[in-house]
PDB file of N, CA and C in Angstrom:
ATOM      1  N   MET A   1     -94.245  90.701  71.963  1.00  0.00           N
ATOM      2  CA  MET A   1     -94.952  91.825  71.437  1.00  0.00           C
ATOM      3  C   MET A   1     -96.454  91.591  71.744  1.00  0.00           C
ATOM      4  N   LYS A   2     -96.861  90.257  71.605  1.00  0.00           N
ATOM      5  CA  LYS A   2     -98.345  89.959  71.820  1.00  0.00           C
ATOM      6  C   LYS A   2     -98.631  90.116  73.372  1.00  0.00           C
ATOM      7  N   ASN A   3     -97.717  89.907  74.185  1.00  0.00           N
ATOM      8  CA  ASN A   3     -97.916  89.993  75.634  1.00  0.00           C
ATOM      9  C   ASN A   3     -98.183  91.536  75.943  1.00  0.00           C
ATOM     10  N   VAL A   4     -97.440  92.333  75.394  1.00  0.00           N
ATOM     11  CA  VAL A   4     -97.601  93.759  75.632  1.00  0.00           C
ATOM     12  C   VAL A   4     -98.972  94.343  75.154  1.00  0.00           C
ATOM     13  N   GLN A   5     -99.320  93.798  74.016  1.00  0.00           N
ATOM     14  CA  GLN A   5    -100.711  94.251  73.545  1.00  0.00           C
ATOM     15  C   GLN A   5    -101.712  93.680  74.453  1.00  0.00           C
ATOM     16  N   SER A   6    -101.635  92.374  74.904  1.00  0.00           N
ATOM     17  CA  SER A   6    -102.609  91.801  75.746  1.00  0.00           C
ATOM     18  C   SER A   6    -102.734  92.625  76.964  1.00  0.00           C
ATOM     19  N   GLU A   7    -101.517  93.058  77.605  1.00  0.00           N
ATOM     20  CA  GLU A   7    -101.601  93.721  78.880  1.00  0.00           C
ATOM     21  C   GLU A   7    -102.096  95.181  78.685  1.00  0.00           C
ATOM     22  N   PHE A   8    -101.921  95.814  77.569  1.00  0.00           N
ATOM     23  CA  PHE A   8    -102.446  97.098  77.163  1.00  0.00           C
ATOM     24  C   PHE A   8    -103.955  96.994  77.059  1.00  0.00           C
ATOM     25  N   LEU A   9    -104.481  96.033  76.524  1.00  0.00           N
ATOM     26  CA  LEU A   9    -105.919  95.805  76.314  1.00  0.00           C
ATOM     27  C   LEU A   9    -106.542  95.585  77.572  1.00  0.00           C
ATOM     28  N   THR A  10    -105.939  94.691  78.430  1.00  0.00           N
ATOM     29  CA  THR A  10    -106.502  94.458  79.719  1.00  0.00           C
ATOM     30  C   THR A  10    -106.447  95.730  80.559  1.00  0.00           C
ATOM     31  N   ALA A  11    -105.463  96.455  80.657  1.00  0.00           N
ATOM     32  CA  ALA A  11    -105.496  97.679  81.345  1.00  0.00           C
ATOM     33  C   ALA A  11    -106.448  98.764  80.774  1.00  0.00           C
ATOM     34  N   THR A  12    -106.650  98.812  79.606  1.00  0.00           N
ATOM     35  CA  THR A  12    -107.605  99.744  78.994  1.00  0.00           C
ATOM     36  C   THR A  12    -108.992  99.321  79.307  1.00  0.00           C
ATOM     37  N   LEU A  13    -109.318  97.980  79.286  1.00  0.00           N
ATOM     38  CA  LEU A  13    -110.732  97.461  79.760  1.00  0.00           C
ATOM     39  C   LEU A  13    -110.950  97.597  81.156  1.00  0.00           C
ATOM     40  N   PHE A  14    -109.879  97.520  81.924  1.00  0.00           N
ATOM     41  CA  PHE A  14    -110.043  97.777  83.396  1.00  0.00           C
ATOM     42  C   PHE A  14    -110.437  99.155  83.668  1.00  0.00           C
ATOM     43  N   ASN A  15    -109.679 100.111  83.011  1.00  0.00           N
ATOM     44  CA  ASN A  15    -109.965 101.511  83.265  1.00  0.00           C
ATOM     45  C   ASN A  15    -111.258 101.920  82.759  1.00  0.00           C
ATOM     46  N   LEU A  16    -111.590 101.422  81.589  1.00  0.00           N
ATOM     47  CA  LEU A  16    -113.009 101.590  81.138  1.00  0.00           C
ATOM     48  C   LEU A  16    -114.091 101.157  82.105  1.00  0.00           C
ATOM     49  N   GLY A  17    -113.914 100.012  82.671  1.00  0.00           N
ATOM     50  CA  GLY A  17    -114.891  99.339  83.675  1.00  0.00           C
ATOM     51  C   GLY A  17    -114.949 100.304  84.880  1.00  0.00           C
ATOM     52  N   LEU A  18    -113.767 100.745  85.368  1.00  0.00           N
ATOM     53  CA  LEU A  18    -113.523 101.562  86.545  1.00  0.00           C
ATOM     54  C   LEU A  18    -114.283 102.890  86.367  1.00  0.00           C
ATOM     55  N   ASN A  19    -114.078 103.537  85.178  1.00  0.00           N
ATOM     56  CA  ASN A  19    -114.730 104.742  84.837  1.00  0.00           C
ATOM     57  C   ASN A  19    -116.222 104.606  84.742  1.00  0.00           C
ATOM     58  N   LEU A  20    -116.710 103.416  84.096  1.00  0.00           N
ATOM     59  CA  LEU A  20    -118.078 103.207  84.145  1.00  0.00           C
ATOM     60  C   LEU A  20    -118.775 103.084  85.497  1.00  0.00           C
ATOM     61  N   LEU A  21    -118.049 102.407  86.370  1.00  0.00           N
ATOM     62  CA  LEU A  21    -118.470 102.250  87.733  1.00  0.00           C
ATOM     63  C   LEU A  21    -118.541 103.442  88.531  1.00  0.00           C
ATOM     64  N   TYR A  22    -117.532 104.316  88.307  1.00  0.00           N
ATOM     65  CA  TYR A  22    -117.503 105.698  89.056  1.00  0.00           C
ATOM     66  C   TYR A  22    -118.688 106.512  88.425  1.00  0.00           C
ATOM     67  N   THR A  23    -118.891 106.386  87.102  1.00  0.00           N
ATOM     68  CA  THR A  23    -120.001 107.150  86.547  1.00  0.00           C
ATOM     69  C   THR A  23    -121.361 106.779  87.001  1.00  0.00           C
ATOM     70  N   LEU A  24    -121.565 105.455  87.048  1.00  0.00           N
ATOM     71  CA  LEU A  24    -122.825 104.987  87.650  1.00  0.00           C
ATOM     72  C   LEU A  24    -123.103 105.284  89.053  1.00  0.00           C
ATOM     73  N   LEU A  25    -121.982 105.361  89.879  1.00  0.00           N
ATOM     74  CA  LEU A  25    -122.088 105.652  91.250  1.00  0.00           C
ATOM     75  C   LEU A  25    -122.327 107.250  91.401  1.00  0.00           C
ATOM     76  N   ALA A  26    -121.741 107.925  90.530  1.00  0.00           N
ATOM     77  CA  ALA A  26    -121.946 109.533  90.677  1.00  0.00           C
ATOM     78  C   ALA A  26    -123.324 109.760  90.166  1.00  0.00           C
ATOM     79  N   LEU A  27    -123.753 108.984  89.154  1.00  0.00           N
ATOM     80  CA  LEU A  27    -125.141 109.241  88.618  1.00  0.00           C
ATOM     81  C   LEU A  27    -126.233 108.819  89.689  1.00  0.00           C
ATOM     82  N   LEU A  28    -126.005 107.692  90.425  1.00  0.00           N
ATOM     83  CA  LEU A  28    -126.913 107.343  91.460  1.00  0.00           C
ATOM     84  C   LEU A  28    -126.937 108.297  92.524  1.00  0.00           C
ATOM     85  N   ILE A  29    -125.751 108.771  92.911  1.00  0.00           N
ATOM     86  CA  ILE A  29    -125.752 109.786  94.099  1.00  0.00           C
ATOM     87  C   ILE A  29    -126.439 111.089  93.643  1.00  0.00           C
ATOM     88  N   GLY A  30    -126.143 111.444  92.412  1.00  0.00           N
ATOM     89  CA  GLY A  30    -126.698 112.676  91.924  1.00  0.00           C
ATOM     90  C   GLY A  30    -128.340 112.703  91.769  1.00  0.00           C
ATOM     91  N   MET A  31    -128.752 111.489  91.387  1.00  0.00           N
ATOM     92  CA  MET A  31    -130.313 111.315  91.274  1.00  0.00           C
ATOM     93  C   MET A  31    -130.793 111.297  92.653  1.00  0.00           C
ATOM     94  N   LEU A  32    -130.196 110.489  93.559  1.00  0.00           N
ATOM     95  CA  LEU A  32    -130.825 110.445  94.994  1.00  0.00           C
ATOM     96  C   LEU A  32    -130.792 111.778  95.587  1.00  0.00           C
ATOM     97  N   ALA A  33    -129.766 112.681  95.348  1.00  0.00           N
ATOM     98  CA  ALA A  33    -129.765 114.018  95.831  1.00  0.00           C
ATOM     99  C   ALA A  33    -130.912 114.839  95.169  1.00  0.00           C
ATOM    100  N   LEU A  34    -131.083 114.753  93.806  1.00  0.00           N
ATOM    101  CA  LEU A  34    -132.147 115.418  93.215  1.00  0.00           C
ATOM    102  C   LEU A  34    -133.548 115.031  93.714  1.00  0.00           C
ATOM    103  N   LEU A  35    -133.719 113.784  93.974  1.00  0.00           N
ATOM    104  CA  LEU A  35    -134.975 113.276  94.483  1.00  0.00           C
ATOM    105  C   LEU A  35    -135.202 113.870  95.907  1.00  0.00           C
ATOM    106  N   ILE A  36    -134.126 113.874  96.740  1.00  0.00           N
ATOM    107  CA  ILE A  36    -134.190 114.467  98.107  1.00  0.00           C
ATOM    108  C   ILE A  36    -134.704 115.804  98.000  1.00  0.00           C
ATOM    109  N   ILE A  37    -133.841 116.618  97.095  1.00  0.00           N
ATOM    110  CA  ILE A  37    -134.235 118.061  96.960  1.00  0.00           C
ATOM    111  C   ILE A  37    -135.643 118.265  96.529  1.00  0.00           C
ATOM    112  N   ASP A  38    -136.001 117.378  95.553  1.00  0.00           N
ATOM    113  CA  ASP A  38    -137.400 117.566  94.968  1.00  0.00           C
ATOM    114  C   ASP A  38    -138.507 117.246  96.153  1.00  0.00           C
ATOM    115  N   LYS A  39    -138.278 116.310  96.921  1.00  0.00           N
ATOM    116  CA  LYS A  39    -139.189 116.033  97.920  1.00  0.00           C
ATOM    117  C   LYS A  39    -139.191 116.987  99.079  1.00  0.00           C
ATOM    118  N   LYS A  40    -138.069 117.554  99.430  1.00  0.00           N
ATOM    119  CA  LYS A  40    -138.003 118.416 100.582  1.00  0.00           C
ATOM    120  C   LYS A  40    -138.344 119.933 100.221  1.00  0.00           C
ATOM    121  N   LEU A  41    -137.623 120.435  99.045  1.00  0.00           N
ATOM    122  CA  LEU A  41    -137.671 121.816  98.757  1.00  0.00           C
ATOM    123  C   LEU A  41    -138.845 122.076  97.785  1.00  0.00           C
ATOM    124  N   LEU A  42    -139.280 121.145  96.984  1.00  0.00           N
ATOM    125  CA  LEU A  42    -140.310 121.337  96.015  1.00  0.00           C
ATOM    126  C   LEU A  42    -141.530 120.480  96.249  1.00  0.00           C
ATOM    127  N   LYS A  43    -142.023 120.270  97.572  1.00  0.00           N
ATOM    128  CA  LYS A  43    -143.003 119.408  97.732  1.00  0.00           C
ATOM    129  C   LYS A  43    -144.499 119.985  97.335  1.00  0.00           C
ATOM    130  N   HIS A  44    -144.466 121.389  97.022  1.00  0.00           N
ATOM    131  CA  HIS A  44    -145.759 121.894  96.650  1.00  0.00           C
ATOM    132  C   HIS A  44    -145.779 122.116  95.110  1.00  0.00           C
ATOM    133  N   VAL A  45    -144.688 121.660  94.324  1.00  0.00           N
ATOM    134  CA  VAL A  45    -144.737 121.935  92.970  1.00  0.00           C
ATOM    135  C   VAL A  45    -144.760 120.589  92.364  1.00  0.00           C
ATOM    136  N   ASP A  46    -145.791 120.400  91.350  1.00  0.00           N
ATOM    137  CA  ASP A  46    -145.895 119.188  90.638  1.00  0.00           C
ATOM    138  C   ASP A  46    -145.305 119.500  89.244  1.00  0.00           C
ATOM    139  N   ILE A  47    -144.001 119.049  88.972  1.00  0.00           N
ATOM    140  CA  ILE A  47    -143.313 119.425  87.771  1.00  0.00           C
ATOM    141  C   ILE A  47    -144.077 118.946  86.597  1.00  0.00           C
ATOM    142  N   GLU A  48    -144.663 117.907  86.474  1.00  0.00           N
ATOM    143  CA  GLU A  48    -145.347 117.428  85.300  1.00  0.00           C
ATOM    144  C   GLU A  48    -146.579 118.234  84.960  1.00  0.00           C
ATOM    145  N   ALA A  49    -147.323 118.568  86.042  1.00  0.00           N
ATOM    146  CA  ALA A  49    -148.505 119.425  85.780  1.00  0.00           C
ATOM    147  C   ALA A  49    -148.116 120.807  85.295  1.00  0.00           C
ATOM    148  N   GLU A  50    -147.039 121.238  85.945  1.00  0.00           N
ATOM    149  CA  GLU A  50    -146.516 122.676  85.437  1.00  0.00           C
ATOM    150  C   GLU A  50    -146.081 122.581  84.005  1.00  0.00           C
ATOM    151  N   LEU A  51    -145.451 121.472  83.670  1.00  0.00           N
ATOM    152  CA  LEU A  51    -145.040 121.456  82.204  1.00  0.00           C
ATOM    153  C   LEU A  51    -146.157 121.432  81.254  1.00  0.00           C
ATOM    154  N   LYS A  52    -147.258 120.643  81.705  1.00  0.00           N
ATOM    155  CA  LYS A  52    -148.430 120.671  80.805  1.00  0.00           C
ATOM    156  C   LYS A  52    -149.120 121.935  80.686  1.00  0.00           C
ATOM    157  N   ASN A  53    -148.955 122.724  81.800  1.00  0.00           N
ATOM    158  CA  ASN A  53    -149.629 124.098  81.708  1.00  0.00           C
ATOM    159  C   ASN A  53    -148.728 125.153  81.036  1.00  0.00           C
ATOM    160  N   GLY A  54    -147.544 124.865  80.609  1.00  0.00           N
ATOM    161  CA  GLY A  54    -146.798 125.680  79.791  1.00  0.00           C
ATOM    162  C   GLY A  54    -145.907 126.500  80.684  1.00  0.00           C
ATOM    163  N   ASN A  55    -145.509 126.106  81.841  1.00  0.00           N
ATOM    164  CA  ASN A  55    -144.627 127.054  82.657  1.00  0.00           C
ATOM    165  C   ASN A  55    -143.223 126.889  82.257  1.00  0.00           C
ATOM    166  N   ILE A  56    -142.671 127.983  81.705  1.00  0.00           N
ATOM    167  CA  ILE A  56    -141.287 127.912  81.120  1.00  0.00           C
ATOM    168  C   ILE A  56    -140.198 127.732  82.206  1.00  0.00           C
ATOM    169  N   ALA A  57    -140.516 128.333  83.328  1.00  0.00           N
ATOM    170  CA  ALA A  57    -139.379 128.222  84.441  1.00  0.00           C
ATOM    171  C   ALA A  57    -139.230 126.853  84.965  1.00  0.00           C
ATOM    172  N   VAL A  58    -140.280 126.023  85.012  1.00  0.00           N
ATOM    173  CA  VAL A  58    -140.104 124.531  85.467  1.00  0.00           C
ATOM    174  C   VAL A  58    -139.531 123.826  84.117  1.00  0.00           C
ATOM    175  N   ALA A  59    -139.921 124.315  83.000  1.00  0.00           N
ATOM    176  CA  ALA A  59    -139.219 123.622  81.805  1.00  0.00           C
ATOM    177  C   ALA A  59    -137.605 123.823  81.864  1.00  0.00           C
ATOM    178  N   ILE A  60    -137.112 125.023  82.224  1.00  0.00           N
ATOM    179  CA  ILE A  60    -135.796 125.325  82.285  1.00  0.00           C
ATOM    180  C   ILE A  60    -135.192 124.549  83.415  1.00  0.00           C
ATOM    181  N   PHE A  61    -135.977 124.397  84.675  1.00  0.00           N
ATOM    182  CA  PHE A  61    -135.286 123.706  85.772  1.00  0.00           C
ATOM    183  C   PHE A  61    -135.210 122.199  85.347  1.00  0.00           C
ATOM    184  N   ALA A  62    -136.243 121.681  84.781  1.00  0.00           N
ATOM    185  CA  ALA A  62    -136.125 120.241  84.401  1.00  0.00           C
ATOM    186  C   ALA A  62    -135.052 119.969  83.282  1.00  0.00           C
ATOM    187  N   SER A  63    -134.888 120.950  82.429  1.00  0.00           N
ATOM    188  CA  SER A  63    -133.783 120.678  81.504  1.00  0.00           C
ATOM    189  C   SER A  63    -132.300 120.794  82.043  1.00  0.00           C
ATOM    190  N   THR A  64    -132.169 121.660  83.031  1.00  0.00           N
ATOM    191  CA  THR A  64    -131.017 121.774  83.712  1.00  0.00           C
ATOM    192  C   THR A  64    -130.616 120.400  84.561  1.00  0.00           C
ATOM    193  N   ILE A  65    -131.587 119.735  85.012  1.00  0.00           N
ATOM    194  CA  ILE A  65    -131.406 118.378  85.644  1.00  0.00           C
ATOM    195  C   ILE A  65    -130.911 117.512  84.701  1.00  0.00           C
ATOM    196  N   LEU A  66    -131.488 117.507  83.560  1.00  0.00           N
ATOM    197  CA  LEU A  66    -130.948 116.669  82.373  1.00  0.00           C
ATOM    198  C   LEU A  66    -129.573 116.934  82.034  1.00  0.00           C
ATOM    199  N   VAL A  67    -129.219 118.220  81.882  1.00  0.00           N
ATOM    200  CA  VAL A  67    -127.850 118.679  81.594  1.00  0.00           C
ATOM    201  C   VAL A  67    -126.845 118.097  82.660  1.00  0.00           C
ATOM    202  N   PHE A  68    -127.411 118.315  83.946  1.00  0.00           N
ATOM    203  CA  PHE A  68    -126.464 117.870  85.040  1.00  0.00           C
ATOM    204  C   PHE A  68    -126.249 116.375  84.992  1.00  0.00           C
ATOM    205  N   VAL A  69    -127.222 115.637  84.564  1.00  0.00           N
ATOM    206  CA  VAL A  69    -127.003 114.171  84.495  1.00  0.00           C
ATOM    207  C   VAL A  69    -125.978 113.853  83.362  1.00  0.00           C
ATOM    208  N   ALA A  70    -126.264 114.527  82.192  1.00  0.00           N
ATOM    209  CA  ALA A  70    -125.395 114.343  81.052  1.00  0.00           C
ATOM    210  C   ALA A  70    -123.980 114.667  81.415  1.00  0.00           C
ATOM    211  N   LEU A  71    -123.760 115.783  82.175  1.00  0.00           N
ATOM    212  CA  LEU A  71    -122.373 116.169  82.520  1.00  0.00           C
ATOM    213  C   LEU A  71    -121.646 115.092  83.434  1.00  0.00           C
ATOM    214  N   ILE A  72    -122.492 114.464  84.441  1.00  0.00           N
ATOM    215  CA  ILE A  72    -121.899 113.370  85.308  1.00  0.00           C
ATOM    216  C   ILE A  72    -121.406 112.293  84.255  1.00  0.00           C
ATOM    217  N   ILE A  73    -122.314 111.936  83.366  1.00  0.00           N
ATOM    218  CA  ILE A  73    -122.030 110.774  82.504  1.00  0.00           C
ATOM    219  C   ILE A  73    -120.747 111.077  81.613  1.00  0.00           C
ATOM    220  N   SER A  74    -120.701 112.285  81.180  1.00  0.00           N
ATOM    221  CA  SER A  74    -119.537 112.636  80.198  1.00  0.00           C
ATOM    222  C   SER A  74    -118.264 112.633  80.952  1.00  0.00           C
ATOM    223  N   PHE A  75    -118.276 113.219  82.233  1.00  0.00           N
ATOM    224  CA  PHE A  75    -117.037 113.409  82.976  1.00  0.00           C
ATOM    225  C   PHE A  75    -116.494 112.056  83.394  1.00  0.00           C
ATOM    226  N   GLY A  76    -117.508 111.158  83.755  1.00  0.00           N
ATOM    227  CA  GLY A  76    -117.203 109.775  84.169  1.00  0.00           C
ATOM    228  C   GLY A  76    -116.514 109.073  83.051  1.00  0.00           C
ATOM    229  N   LEU A  77    -116.951 109.153  81.834  1.00  0.00           N
ATOM    230  CA  LEU A  77    -116.470 108.383  80.800  1.00  0.00           C
ATOM    231  C   LEU A  77    -115.061 108.874  80.261  1.00  0.00           C
ATOM    232  N   LYS A  78    -114.854 110.287  80.578  1.00  0.00           N
ATOM    233  CA  LYS A  78    -113.444 110.765  80.193  1.00  0.00           C
ATOM    234  C   LYS A  78    -112.496 110.240  80.995  1.00  0.00           C
ATOM    235  N   GLY A  79    -112.728 109.952  82.236  1.00  0.00           N
ATOM    236  CA  GLY A  79    -111.642 109.337  83.118  1.00  0.00           C
ATOM    237  C   GLY A  79    -110.941 110.399  83.714  1.00  0.00           C
TER     238      GLY A  79
END
């Protein structure tokens, strides 16, 4: 009985570690893609300065990036 519990715990920890690895990899790829998009497509837009000026469109864009990152993390942890 103890051996079965030990195997179950080992498998669960392995799956958790694998899911965390996939999550971190997806997060890294997503952030790199966002940085490339920011450098190539939005080179004339300073997001921080626009936020300080009260530009709502830039605030919505920045919040969607954060939601995107949160979705990557949540789907990665679900497995």
